[in-house]
Protein backbone atom coordinates (compact mmCIF):
# COMPACT_ATOMS: atom_id res chain seq x y z
CA MET A 1 -2.41 37.64 -27.23
CA ASN A 2 -3.53 40.87 -29.08
CA VAL A 3 -6.46 42.57 -27.39
CA CYS A 4 -7.03 46.28 -28.41
CA ASN A 5 -9.55 48.95 -27.39
CA GLU A 6 -11.51 51.24 -29.68
CA ARG A 7 -9.11 54.22 -29.37
CA SER A 8 -6.19 52.09 -30.58
CA ARG A 9 -8.17 50.98 -33.63
CA ASP A 10 -9.04 54.60 -34.48
CA VAL A 11 -5.38 55.63 -34.34
CA THR A 12 -4.46 52.69 -36.59
CA LYS A 13 -7.10 53.69 -39.17
CA LEU A 14 -5.84 57.24 -39.10
CA ASN A 15 -2.32 56.04 -39.80
CA GLU A 16 -3.53 54.07 -42.81
CA SER A 17 -5.60 56.89 -44.36
CA LYS A 18 -3.45 59.98 -43.87
CA GLY A 19 -0.28 60.90 -45.66
CA ILE A 20 2.78 62.69 -44.41
CA ALA A 21 1.33 66.09 -45.28
CA ASP A 22 -1.79 65.43 -43.22
CA TRP A 23 0.39 64.57 -40.20
CA ILE A 24 2.33 67.81 -40.58
CA ARG A 25 -0.88 69.89 -40.78
CA MET A 26 -2.29 68.08 -37.71
CA TRP A 27 0.94 68.71 -35.77
CA MET A 28 0.80 72.41 -36.58
CA LYS A 29 -2.90 72.65 -35.64
CA TRP A 30 -2.80 70.70 -32.34
CA PRO A 31 0.87 70.58 -31.23
CA TRP A 32 0.22 69.95 -27.55
CA VAL A 33 -2.20 67.11 -28.21
CA CYS A 34 0.20 65.41 -30.64
CA LEU A 35 3.09 65.80 -28.21
CA MET A 36 1.11 64.10 -25.41
CA VAL A 37 0.08 61.23 -27.72
CA PHE A 38 3.68 60.75 -28.85
CA LEU A 39 5.02 60.66 -25.26
CA GLY A 40 2.27 58.28 -24.14
CA LEU A 41 2.96 55.82 -26.95
CA SER A 42 6.69 55.95 -26.26
CA ALA A 43 6.19 55.17 -22.55
CA ALA A 44 3.83 52.28 -23.33
CA LEU A 45 6.25 50.71 -25.82
CA THR A 46 9.16 51.06 -23.37
CA ALA A 47 7.21 49.41 -20.52
CA SER A 48 6.08 46.61 -22.82
CA ALA A 49 9.66 45.88 -23.89
CA GLU A 50 10.91 45.82 -20.30
CA GLU A 51 8.15 43.48 -19.12
CA GLY A 52 8.72 41.12 -22.04
CA VAL A 53 12.36 40.43 -21.09
CA GLY A 54 12.77 36.95 -19.52
CA LYS A 55 9.09 36.05 -19.78
CA THR A 56 8.00 32.43 -20.28
CA PRO A 57 5.26 31.60 -22.79
CA ALA A 58 2.79 31.48 -19.88
CA ASP A 59 3.54 35.16 -19.08
CA ALA A 60 4.53 36.60 -22.46
CA VAL A 61 1.43 38.58 -23.38
CA PRO A 62 1.12 42.13 -24.82
CA ALA A 63 0.81 44.94 -22.32
CA THR A 64 -2.35 46.12 -24.00
CA ALA A 65 -4.01 42.83 -23.00
CA GLN A 66 -2.94 43.31 -19.40
CA GLU A 67 -4.39 46.81 -19.31
CA ASN A 68 -7.67 45.97 -21.06
CA HIS A 69 -10.68 43.81 -20.53
CA PHE A 70 -12.21 41.22 -22.82
CA ASN A 71 -14.78 38.44 -22.76
CA ILE A 72 -13.86 34.78 -22.18
CA PHE A 73 -16.63 32.28 -22.80
CA GLU A 74 -14.45 29.24 -23.45
CA TYR A 75 -11.01 27.81 -22.62
CA ALA A 76 -9.70 25.49 -25.32
CA VAL A 77 -7.31 23.05 -23.59
CA GLU A 78 -4.80 21.42 -25.92
CA GLY A 79 -2.77 18.27 -25.21
CA ASN A 80 -4.85 16.78 -22.39
CA THR A 81 -5.26 12.99 -22.16
CA LEU A 82 -5.41 12.56 -18.37
CA LEU A 83 -8.19 14.70 -16.87
CA SER A 84 -11.86 14.38 -17.69
CA THR A 85 -13.78 17.18 -19.35
CA ILE A 86 -15.68 17.78 -16.12
CA ALA A 87 -12.45 18.10 -14.11
CA ILE A 88 -11.11 20.68 -16.58
CA GLU A 89 -14.36 22.65 -16.55
CA GLN A 90 -14.33 22.73 -12.74
CA ALA A 91 -10.76 24.04 -12.76
CA VAL A 92 -11.37 27.00 -15.13
CA TYR A 93 -15.07 27.74 -14.53
CA LEU A 94 -14.47 30.67 -12.15
CA TYR A 95 -12.41 32.47 -14.79
CA LEU A 96 -15.05 32.58 -17.55
CA GLY A 97 -17.30 35.54 -18.32
CA GLU A 98 -17.35 39.13 -19.48
CA ASN A 99 -14.90 41.90 -18.69
CA ARG A 100 -11.95 39.57 -17.94
CA THR A 101 -8.23 40.42 -17.87
CA ILE A 102 -4.99 38.60 -18.49
CA ALA A 103 -4.80 38.03 -14.71
CA ASP A 104 -7.90 35.83 -15.02
CA VAL A 105 -6.23 33.83 -17.79
CA GLN A 106 -3.15 33.36 -15.61
CA SER A 107 -5.36 32.24 -12.69
CA ALA A 108 -7.12 29.74 -14.97
CA ARG A 109 -3.75 28.35 -16.02
CA GLU A 110 -2.64 27.98 -12.39
CA SER A 111 -5.94 26.39 -11.39
CA LEU A 112 -5.74 23.83 -14.19
CA GLU A 113 -2.13 22.99 -13.35
CA ARG A 114 -3.15 22.59 -9.70
CA ALA A 115 -5.92 20.20 -10.77
CA TYR A 116 -3.27 17.97 -12.36
CA ARG A 117 -1.16 18.14 -9.18
CA ASP A 118 -4.12 17.28 -6.97
CA GLY A 119 -5.07 14.51 -9.37
CA GLY A 120 -1.69 12.81 -8.88
CA TYR A 121 0.19 14.13 -11.93
CA PRO A 122 2.95 16.49 -10.69
CA THR A 123 4.92 16.26 -13.96
CA VAL A 124 2.18 17.98 -16.00
CA PHE A 125 2.56 21.69 -16.84
CA VAL A 126 0.17 24.24 -18.36
CA ASP A 127 1.17 27.36 -20.32
CA ILE A 128 -0.52 30.11 -22.33
CA PRO A 129 0.60 30.10 -25.98
CA GLU A 130 0.84 33.32 -28.03
CA GLN A 131 -2.58 33.89 -29.57
CA LYS A 132 -5.33 36.26 -30.64
CA VAL A 133 -8.58 36.10 -28.71
CA ASP A 134 -11.00 35.18 -31.47
CA GLY A 135 -14.56 34.25 -30.73
CA ASN A 136 -14.10 34.86 -26.98
CA THR A 137 -11.98 31.69 -26.69
CA VAL A 138 -8.59 31.40 -24.93
CA ARG A 139 -6.25 28.50 -25.60
CA LEU A 140 -4.31 26.73 -22.80
CA ARG A 141 -1.57 24.27 -23.71
CA VAL A 142 -0.92 21.16 -21.58
CA THR A 143 2.46 19.42 -21.54
CA GLU A 144 2.13 15.97 -20.00
CA GLY A 145 5.63 15.26 -18.71
CA SER A 146 6.23 11.60 -19.53
CA VAL A 147 9.21 9.52 -18.41
CA GLU A 148 11.97 9.78 -20.98
CA ARG A 149 14.31 7.39 -19.17
CA LEU A 150 14.09 5.06 -16.14
CA ARG A 151 17.42 4.12 -14.61
CA VAL A 152 18.28 1.82 -11.67
CA SER A 153 21.61 2.30 -9.91
CA GLY A 154 23.44 0.74 -6.97
CA ALA A 155 21.79 -2.71 -6.96
CA LYS A 156 24.15 -5.59 -6.11
CA TYR A 157 21.90 -8.51 -5.16
CA TYR A 158 18.62 -7.64 -6.87
CA SER A 159 17.90 -7.73 -10.61
CA LEU A 160 17.64 -4.32 -12.27
CA GLY A 161 14.91 -5.58 -14.57
CA GLU A 162 12.91 -6.96 -11.67
CA ILE A 163 13.12 -3.64 -9.83
CA LYS A 164 11.87 -1.83 -12.95
CA ALA A 165 9.05 -4.34 -13.32
CA HIS A 166 7.82 -3.43 -9.82
CA VAL A 167 7.20 0.20 -10.86
CA PRO A 168 5.23 0.05 -14.16
CA THR A 169 3.91 3.57 -13.49
CA LEU A 170 7.45 4.85 -14.06
CA ALA A 171 7.93 2.96 -17.33
CA GLU A 172 9.47 4.96 -20.16
CA GLY A 173 6.81 6.81 -22.13
CA SER A 174 4.25 6.88 -19.31
CA VAL A 175 3.08 9.90 -17.32
CA PRO A 176 3.72 9.12 -13.62
CA TYR A 177 0.56 8.77 -11.53
CA PHE A 178 2.03 9.33 -8.09
CA PRO A 179 -0.53 7.46 -5.92
CA ASP A 180 0.42 4.32 -7.86
CA VAL A 181 4.11 5.25 -7.73
CA GLN A 182 3.94 5.44 -3.92
CA LYS A 183 2.26 2.03 -3.67
CA GLN A 184 4.77 0.41 -6.01
CA LEU A 185 7.74 1.94 -4.18
CA ALA A 186 6.26 0.72 -0.88
CA SER A 187 6.12 -2.78 -2.38
CA LEU A 188 9.82 -2.51 -3.24
CA ALA A 189 10.57 -1.28 0.28
CA ALA A 190 8.90 -4.37 1.78
CA ALA A 191 12.16 -6.26 1.23
CA ARG A 192 14.17 -5.66 4.40
CA ASP A 193 17.47 -5.96 2.51
CA ARG A 194 16.64 -3.32 -0.09
CA LYS A 195 16.13 0.43 0.14
CA VAL A 196 14.97 2.33 -2.95
CA THR A 197 15.03 6.13 -3.27
CA PRO A 198 13.49 7.76 -6.39
CA VAL A 199 15.11 10.85 -7.91
CA LEU A 200 13.31 12.93 -10.59
CA ARG A 201 15.08 15.38 -12.86
CA ALA A 202 14.36 17.22 -16.11
CA GLY A 203 14.85 15.11 -19.22
CA ARG A 204 16.98 15.94 -22.24
CA THR A 205 13.83 16.63 -24.23
CA PRO A 206 11.77 19.64 -23.05
CA GLY A 207 8.66 18.50 -21.21
CA LYS A 208 10.14 15.08 -20.36
CA VAL A 209 11.49 13.75 -17.03
CA GLU A 210 14.18 11.26 -16.10
CA VAL A 211 13.74 8.95 -13.10
CA GLU A 212 16.58 7.28 -11.24
CA LEU A 213 15.92 4.59 -8.62
CA LYS A 214 18.88 4.59 -6.24
CA VAL A 215 19.18 1.17 -4.58
CA GLU A 216 21.00 0.21 -1.40
CA ASP A 217 20.84 -3.57 -0.88
CA GLU A 218 22.42 -6.39 1.11
CA LEU A 219 22.69 -10.15 0.66
CA PRO A 220 19.12 -11.42 1.34
CA LEU A 221 20.26 -14.35 3.49
CA HIS A 222 19.08 -14.51 7.09
CA GLY A 223 19.20 -16.95 9.93
CA SER A 224 19.00 -17.37 13.67
CA LEU A 225 20.20 -19.74 16.36
CA GLU A 226 18.27 -19.78 19.61
CA ALA A 227 18.57 -21.51 22.96
CA ASN A 228 15.75 -21.47 25.52
CA ASN A 229 14.15 -23.40 28.36
CA TYR A 230 10.62 -23.40 26.96
CA TYR A 231 9.91 -27.06 27.71
CA SER A 232 6.84 -29.21 28.24
CA ALA A 233 6.15 -31.86 30.85
CA ASN A 234 8.31 -34.98 31.01
CA THR A 235 10.98 -33.62 28.68
CA GLU A 236 14.46 -32.16 29.12
CA HIS A 237 14.56 -28.46 29.92
CA ALA A 238 16.83 -27.16 27.15
CA ARG A 239 15.65 -26.41 23.63
CA VAL A 240 17.54 -25.24 20.54
CA ASN A 241 15.98 -23.69 17.49
CA GLY A 242 17.72 -22.93 14.19
CA MET A 243 16.37 -21.10 11.15
CA LEU A 244 17.80 -20.24 7.72
CA ARG A 245 15.98 -18.09 5.13
CA PHE A 246 16.75 -16.71 1.67
CA ASP A 247 14.52 -13.83 0.52
CA ASN A 248 15.26 -13.38 -3.19
CA LEU A 249 14.93 -16.76 -4.84
CA TRP A 250 14.95 -16.76 -8.67
CA GLN A 251 15.48 -12.97 -8.52
CA ARG A 252 11.70 -12.75 -8.10
CA GLY A 253 11.48 -11.86 -4.41
CA HIS A 254 10.45 -15.39 -3.45
CA SER A 255 11.40 -16.53 0.06
CA VAL A 256 12.27 -20.02 1.26
CA SER A 257 13.05 -20.96 4.86
CA LEU A 258 13.87 -24.05 6.89
CA GLN A 259 13.53 -24.35 10.66
CA TYR A 260 14.50 -27.06 13.14
CA GLN A 261 13.73 -27.37 16.85
CA ALA A 262 14.90 -30.10 19.18
CA THR A 263 15.92 -31.13 22.67
CA PRO A 264 19.72 -31.10 22.26
CA SER A 265 20.42 -33.75 24.89
CA ASN A 266 17.83 -36.14 23.43
CA PRO A 267 16.51 -35.18 19.95
CA ASN A 268 14.24 -38.24 19.83
CA GLN A 269 12.38 -36.91 22.85
CA SER A 270 11.29 -33.71 21.10
CA ASN A 271 12.00 -32.44 17.59
CA ALA A 272 10.20 -30.65 14.81
CA TRP A 273 11.00 -29.61 11.24
CA SER A 274 9.25 -26.92 9.24
CA GLY A 275 9.67 -25.41 5.80
CA THR A 276 8.00 -22.37 4.23
CA TYR A 277 7.87 -20.98 0.70
CA VAL A 278 6.47 -17.48 0.17
CA MET A 279 5.92 -15.85 -3.22
CA PRO A 280 4.57 -12.38 -4.05
CA GLY A 281 1.70 -12.20 -6.49
CA SER A 282 0.01 -9.25 -8.13
CA THR A 283 -0.12 -5.98 -6.23
CA GLY A 284 -1.31 -6.63 -2.68
CA ASN A 285 -1.27 -10.43 -2.89
CA THR A 286 1.09 -12.96 -1.31
CA TYR A 287 0.99 -16.75 -1.45
CA ALA A 288 2.57 -19.15 1.03
CA LEU A 289 3.12 -22.90 1.25
CA TYR A 290 4.41 -24.63 4.36
CA ALA A 291 4.95 -28.04 5.89
CA ILE A 292 5.64 -29.21 9.46
CA ARG A 293 6.70 -32.54 10.84
CA SER A 294 6.52 -32.68 14.63
CA ARG A 295 7.69 -35.38 16.99
CA SER A 296 7.36 -33.52 20.25
CA ASN A 297 4.97 -33.15 23.12
CA VAL A 298 4.31 -29.47 22.46
CA SER A 299 5.43 -27.58 19.38
CA THR A 300 6.43 -23.92 19.63
CA LEU A 301 6.78 -23.38 15.89
CA GLY A 302 3.76 -21.12 15.80
CA ASP A 303 -0.02 -21.17 15.91
CA TYR A 304 -0.43 -24.17 13.60
CA GLY A 305 -2.03 -26.36 16.26
CA VAL A 306 0.49 -29.21 16.18
CA VAL A 307 0.22 -30.93 19.54
CA GLY A 308 2.05 -34.21 19.90
CA ASN A 309 3.22 -36.19 16.89
CA GLY A 310 1.78 -34.95 13.64
CA ASP A 311 2.27 -33.69 10.12
CA ILE A 312 0.84 -30.59 8.49
CA MET A 313 0.88 -29.19 4.98
CA GLY A 314 -0.89 -25.96 4.18
CA ALA A 315 -1.40 -23.06 1.81
CA ARG A 316 -2.24 -19.42 2.45
CA TRP A 317 -3.40 -16.48 0.35
CA ILE A 318 -2.72 -13.10 1.98
CA HIS A 319 -4.42 -10.08 0.43
CA SER A 320 -3.52 -6.55 1.54
CA LEU A 321 -6.66 -4.44 1.89
CA PRO A 322 -6.79 -0.74 0.94
CA GLY A 323 -5.43 1.30 3.82
CA LYS A 324 -4.79 4.86 4.82
CA PRO A 325 -2.11 6.63 6.88
CA GLY A 326 -1.67 4.66 10.09
CA LEU A 327 -3.83 1.72 8.97
CA PHE A 328 -2.47 -1.51 7.51
CA HIS A 329 -4.71 -4.55 7.24
CA SER A 330 -5.04 -7.79 5.32
CA LEU A 331 -7.23 -10.82 4.72
CA THR A 332 -5.87 -14.38 4.86
CA LEU A 333 -7.53 -17.49 3.45
CA GLY A 334 -6.10 -20.99 3.49
CA MET A 335 -6.47 -24.71 3.91
CA ASP A 336 -4.39 -27.29 5.79
CA TYR A 337 -3.85 -31.00 5.56
CA LYS A 338 -3.42 -32.33 9.12
CA HIS A 339 -2.44 -35.84 10.09
CA SER A 340 -2.28 -36.29 13.86
CA LEU A 341 -0.58 -39.44 15.10
CA GLU A 342 -1.15 -39.22 18.85
CA SER A 343 -2.42 -36.94 21.59
CA ILE A 344 -0.39 -34.94 24.05
CA VAL A 345 -0.05 -35.46 27.80
CA GLY A 346 -2.85 -33.70 29.66
CA SER A 347 -5.30 -33.41 26.76
CA THR A 348 -8.93 -34.51 26.91
CA ASP A 349 -8.41 -37.15 24.18
CA ARG A 350 -9.52 -40.64 25.13
CA PHE A 351 -7.42 -42.65 22.69
CA SER A 352 -4.21 -42.32 20.78
CA THR A 353 -5.67 -42.93 17.33
CA PRO A 354 -4.65 -41.22 14.06
CA VAL A 355 -6.86 -38.44 12.75
CA THR A 356 -6.65 -36.93 9.25
CA TYR A 357 -8.66 -33.87 8.18
CA LEU A 358 -8.64 -30.70 6.04
CA PRO A 359 -9.47 -27.55 8.03
CA VAL A 360 -10.15 -24.17 6.40
CA VAL A 361 -8.85 -20.89 7.83
CA ALA A 362 -10.06 -17.31 7.24
CA GLN A 363 -8.52 -14.41 9.15
CA TYR A 364 -8.51 -10.62 9.25
CA SER A 365 -5.42 -8.79 10.56
CA GLY A 366 -5.08 -5.08 11.16
CA THR A 367 -2.53 -2.65 12.56
CA PHE A 368 -3.54 0.85 13.65
CA ALA A 369 -0.67 3.24 14.42
CA GLY A 370 -1.21 6.59 16.10
CA GLU A 371 0.78 9.20 17.96
CA SER A 372 0.07 7.64 21.36
CA GLY A 373 0.59 3.98 20.46
CA VAL A 374 -0.02 1.01 18.19
CA THR A 375 -2.96 -1.42 18.14
CA GLN A 376 -3.00 -4.81 16.42
CA VAL A 377 -6.01 -7.07 16.00
CA ASP A 378 -6.57 -10.52 14.50
CA LEU A 379 -9.87 -12.33 14.10
CA GLY A 380 -10.14 -15.69 12.40
CA ALA A 381 -12.50 -18.56 11.78
CA ASN A 382 -11.26 -22.16 11.69
CA PHE A 383 -13.58 -24.91 10.52
CA SER A 384 -13.69 -28.31 8.89
CA LEU A 385 -16.47 -29.56 6.63
CA ARG A 386 -17.65 -33.13 6.83
CA GLY A 387 -16.50 -35.16 3.85
CA LEU A 388 -13.25 -33.26 3.21
CA ARG A 389 -10.87 -36.20 3.70
CA ASP A 390 -12.04 -36.67 7.30
CA ASN A 391 -13.50 -39.69 9.05
CA GLU A 392 -16.21 -39.09 11.65
CA SER A 393 -15.29 -42.23 13.56
CA GLU A 394 -11.69 -41.03 13.99
CA PHE A 395 -12.93 -37.88 15.71
CA GLN A 396 -15.35 -39.88 17.89
CA GLN A 397 -12.62 -42.28 18.97
CA ARG A 398 -10.19 -39.48 19.70
CA ARG A 399 -12.59 -37.34 21.78
CA TYR A 400 -16.05 -37.92 23.21
CA ASN A 401 -18.68 -36.04 21.17
CA ALA A 402 -16.05 -34.52 18.84
CA ARG A 403 -17.30 -33.86 15.31
CA SER A 404 -15.41 -33.63 12.05
CA ASN A 405 -17.47 -30.55 11.04
CA TYR A 406 -16.24 -28.40 13.91
CA PHE A 407 -16.04 -24.59 14.00
CA TYR A 408 -14.36 -22.08 16.27
CA TRP A 409 -13.45 -18.40 16.42
CA ARG A 410 -9.98 -17.36 17.48
CA GLY A 411 -8.72 -13.82 17.90
CA ASP A 412 -6.30 -11.54 19.68
CA ALA A 413 -5.79 -7.85 20.33
CA MET A 414 -2.57 -6.07 21.33
CA ARG A 415 -1.92 -2.49 22.34
CA THR A 416 1.32 -0.64 23.09
CA GLN A 417 0.50 2.66 24.81
CA LYS A 418 2.97 5.47 25.40
CA LEU A 419 2.99 6.86 28.93
CA GLY A 420 4.74 9.80 30.52
CA ALA A 421 8.46 9.83 31.33
CA ASP A 422 9.13 7.37 28.46
CA PHE A 423 7.28 4.51 30.16
CA SER A 424 4.93 2.36 28.10
CA LEU A 425 2.11 -0.08 28.74
CA TYR A 426 1.65 -3.27 26.72
CA GLY A 427 -1.51 -5.34 26.82
CA ARG A 428 -2.63 -8.44 24.96
CA MET A 429 -5.71 -10.65 25.04
CA ASP A 430 -6.37 -13.91 23.11
CA PHE A 431 -9.55 -15.95 22.99
CA GLN A 432 -11.13 -19.01 21.40
CA LEU A 433 -14.83 -19.84 21.15
CA ALA A 434 -15.79 -23.28 19.81
CA SER A 435 -19.08 -24.73 18.59
CA GLY A 436 -18.50 -28.05 20.36
CA PRO A 437 -15.89 -30.47 21.72
CA LEU A 438 -12.57 -30.33 19.86
CA ILE A 439 -9.77 -32.85 19.49
CA GLY A 440 -6.51 -31.89 21.22
CA ASN A 441 -4.88 -30.46 18.10
CA GLU A 442 -7.46 -27.66 17.90
CA GLN A 443 -7.83 -26.87 21.60
CA PHE A 444 -6.77 -23.62 23.26
CA THR A 445 -3.70 -23.80 25.52
CA ILE A 446 -2.60 -21.70 28.49
CA GLY A 447 0.72 -21.80 30.29
CA GLY A 448 4.24 -21.11 29.09
CA ALA A 449 6.68 -18.36 28.24
CA GLN A 450 4.46 -16.93 25.48
CA ASN A 451 1.25 -16.42 27.51
CA VAL A 452 0.88 -17.32 31.22
CA ARG A 453 4.45 -17.29 32.49
CA GLY A 454 5.51 -19.36 35.50
CA TYR A 455 4.01 -22.57 34.03
CA LEU A 456 5.21 -25.22 31.60
CA GLU A 457 4.33 -24.98 27.91
CA GLY A 458 0.68 -25.85 27.26
CA GLU A 459 0.02 -26.91 30.83
CA ARG A 460 -3.77 -26.61 30.48
CA LEU A 461 -6.03 -27.08 27.44
CA GLY A 462 -9.70 -26.45 26.72
CA ASP A 463 -12.24 -25.99 23.94
CA ASN A 464 -12.98 -22.39 24.88
CA GLY A 465 -10.44 -20.12 26.47
CA VAL A 466 -9.08 -16.67 27.13
CA ARG A 467 -5.68 -15.41 28.21
CA ALA A 468 -4.38 -11.92 28.92
CA THR A 469 -1.12 -10.13 29.61
CA LEU A 470 -0.40 -6.66 30.98
CA GLU A 471 3.16 -5.28 31.05
CA LEU A 472 4.55 -2.00 32.38
CA ARG A 473 7.77 -1.26 30.50
CA SER A 474 10.52 1.04 31.70
CA PRO A 475 12.20 3.76 29.65
CA ARG A 476 15.10 2.65 27.52
CA LEU A 477 18.22 2.07 29.62
CA ALA A 478 21.92 2.34 28.75
CA VAL A 479 21.20 4.85 25.99
CA ASP A 480 24.83 6.04 26.08
CA MET A 481 26.23 2.57 25.33
CA LYS A 482 26.69 2.38 21.56
CA ASP A 483 26.71 -1.44 21.49
CA VAL A 484 23.32 -1.65 23.24
CA ASP A 485 20.48 -1.28 20.75
CA GLN A 486 17.69 -1.80 23.28
CA LEU A 487 17.46 -2.45 27.01
CA PHE A 488 14.41 -2.11 29.24
CA LEU A 489 12.83 -3.73 32.30
CA LEU A 490 9.23 -4.79 32.73
CA ALA A 491 6.72 -5.92 35.34
CA PHE A 492 3.81 -8.11 34.28
CA VAL A 493 0.58 -9.83 35.24
CA ASP A 494 -0.57 -12.90 33.23
CA ALA A 495 -3.83 -14.82 33.47
CA GLY A 496 -5.67 -17.50 31.51
CA LYS A 497 -8.79 -19.62 31.72
CA VAL A 498 -10.04 -22.59 29.67
CA TRP A 499 -13.37 -24.42 29.57
CA ILE A 500 -14.05 -27.98 28.41
CA ILE A 501 -17.29 -28.63 26.54
CA ASP A 502 -19.13 -31.89 27.40
CA PRO A 503 -16.62 -33.12 30.01
CA LEU A 504 -16.53 -36.81 30.93
CA PRO A 505 -18.06 -37.86 34.27
CA GLY A 506 -15.79 -36.70 37.08
CA GLN A 507 -13.68 -34.54 34.77
CA ILE A 508 -13.01 -30.92 35.76
CA ASP A 509 -14.54 -28.63 33.15
CA ARG A 510 -12.50 -25.44 33.72
CA PHE A 511 -8.99 -24.38 34.73
CA ASP A 512 -7.46 -21.08 35.80
CA LEU A 513 -3.81 -20.02 35.72
CA SER A 514 -2.30 -16.66 36.70
CA SER A 515 1.03 -15.19 37.71
CA VAL A 516 3.02 -12.01 38.31
CA GLY A 517 6.65 -11.30 37.60
CA VAL A 518 9.43 -9.14 36.26
CA GLY A 519 11.54 -9.32 33.14
CA LEU A 520 14.29 -7.87 30.96
CA ARG A 521 14.66 -7.33 27.21
CA LEU A 522 18.10 -6.78 25.67
CA ALA A 523 19.29 -6.30 22.09
CA ALA A 524 23.02 -5.68 21.70
CA TRP A 525 25.92 -5.89 19.26
CA LYS A 526 23.41 -5.72 16.39
CA TYR A 527 22.74 -9.48 16.29
CA TRP A 528 22.22 -10.63 19.91
CA HIS A 529 18.89 -10.77 21.75
CA VAL A 530 18.05 -11.87 25.30
CA ASN A 531 14.62 -12.29 26.93
CA ALA A 532 14.55 -13.12 30.65
CA ASP A 533 11.45 -13.41 32.86
CA PHE A 534 10.82 -14.57 36.42
CA ALA A 535 7.20 -15.42 37.25
CA LEU A 536 5.42 -16.46 40.43
CA PRO A 537 2.31 -18.60 39.73
CA PHE A 538 -0.82 -18.16 41.87
CA GLN A 539 -2.66 -21.44 41.09
CA ASP A 540 -1.58 -25.05 40.85
CA GLY A 541 -1.24 -26.29 37.30
CA ALA A 542 -1.05 -29.82 35.98
CA TYR A 543 2.72 -29.91 36.73
CA THR A 544 3.42 -26.62 38.52
CA SER A 545 2.79 -25.80 42.18
CA ALA A 546 1.48 -22.41 43.23
CA ARG A 547 4.07 -19.90 44.53
CA HIS A 548 6.98 -21.87 43.09
CA GLY A 549 8.72 -19.32 40.87
CA ARG A 550 10.07 -20.19 37.45
CA PHE A 551 12.63 -18.56 35.12
CA HIS A 552 12.00 -18.31 31.38
CA LEU A 553 15.17 -17.56 29.44
CA LYS A 554 15.84 -17.16 25.71
CA ALA A 555 19.07 -16.09 24.00
CA SER A 556 19.37 -15.79 20.23
CA TYR A 557 21.77 -14.70 17.51
CA GLU A 558 20.00 -13.30 14.44
CA PHE A 559 21.41 -12.03 11.17
């Protein structure tokens, strides 16, 4: 950039108009003045040469420009396709005006480059090309560092092309927008058997970048075998549960699983099959299909509401909502096909007649993680509309005043709170609030190893209900034993209450259960897990006497 003052222009004109003889006469007339001018010019040229060594284009400007002032009324930005005109103006606005220096130009360059960084484009660079300041305009040159090459290395069980397809922001020829890059890499990291680490380096072509995705993966096959004594009334005590799951079907990240639960000594007494197929959709969307066939008094396959003999087929759409650091939440919508063959022991059903219906489910789930603990919440609505494959008479025959167009809210909240000395406090509360009498499949249960310990599984049922758990957990024990991954003790209090809407004459309309106890949690040798609890119930249940303690034990091998 050539910016000169008036004295420099006068000297230049003098040089053009005078001959050698004129210079000699001037030297003889004013020797001291000429000597000072000569020494000053020599020093300036020497300093300019020294400062120019090793300079980049952004810094390589004539010394005269650094020592002088000039007007800047416009910055002409070349090569931009990413930032808006307003964003560019905001970045350089403070460095416009009269009496500016090269330091202002450098500050404008840095400010514009920072605007790209803050905007999510860290591979964009800004420099100051060699130029003359004409018309009070300074040119800034933008180099948008696009991806010259995307490479995937280290993958053994996952397709290289599929991994590349998950990060379109890093496609060759594109300029990486890092907020999207982070989301897409997080999607890749959702697979528990795959770890992806991005590495950026300068490309072979100036202004380009190369990206390498380093992959560490394992065979995406998982399974578990579990034995427990989580039994219901009038059945054998022992239960076995087996599960097998493959998490990368078709090399598309699809997951398929099969689960079986039974009473090992008498499978006809209690058994249940379930299968699930999960497929990822577009960013933030997941789809699931599942089916369950139950021939047991109480199913412990999950919160699907299978009580007694029945069949279920269902579909779910899970949509991840926009989050922020420490917040992860989603919305789930779905519909089930339920065919219930008979009621369970202890329900409020009057008859053992088949019921077929199509309930709809909508649920919000959120996890909030902070420095002091983690909170999880779920709130869902479950309802069935009259005319959707249901028969009003089937509901009436199954339960007095039951309607096929039922509705109920169901939710839960959990909190794990860090305490001093490495202790922690865990609390959970679940509830259900119904619009009217429900058939047994949709009722709220209390009792069992998963809620009110010390009682049999599903010992009491009701249309409305609430249950709560509070656990004080010890610090981690056996920390010096390398084979022990986790070991802690706990003391707990459990309680639950259910209400029956429109009870029959003489029927009790509410039940309470509560207990206290102690427990142990162990994870060792990488694959083994043990849960053991002893609970002392305070109230009589349908099959449990107060103050008669009960052990709940579960041992599992998981890979």
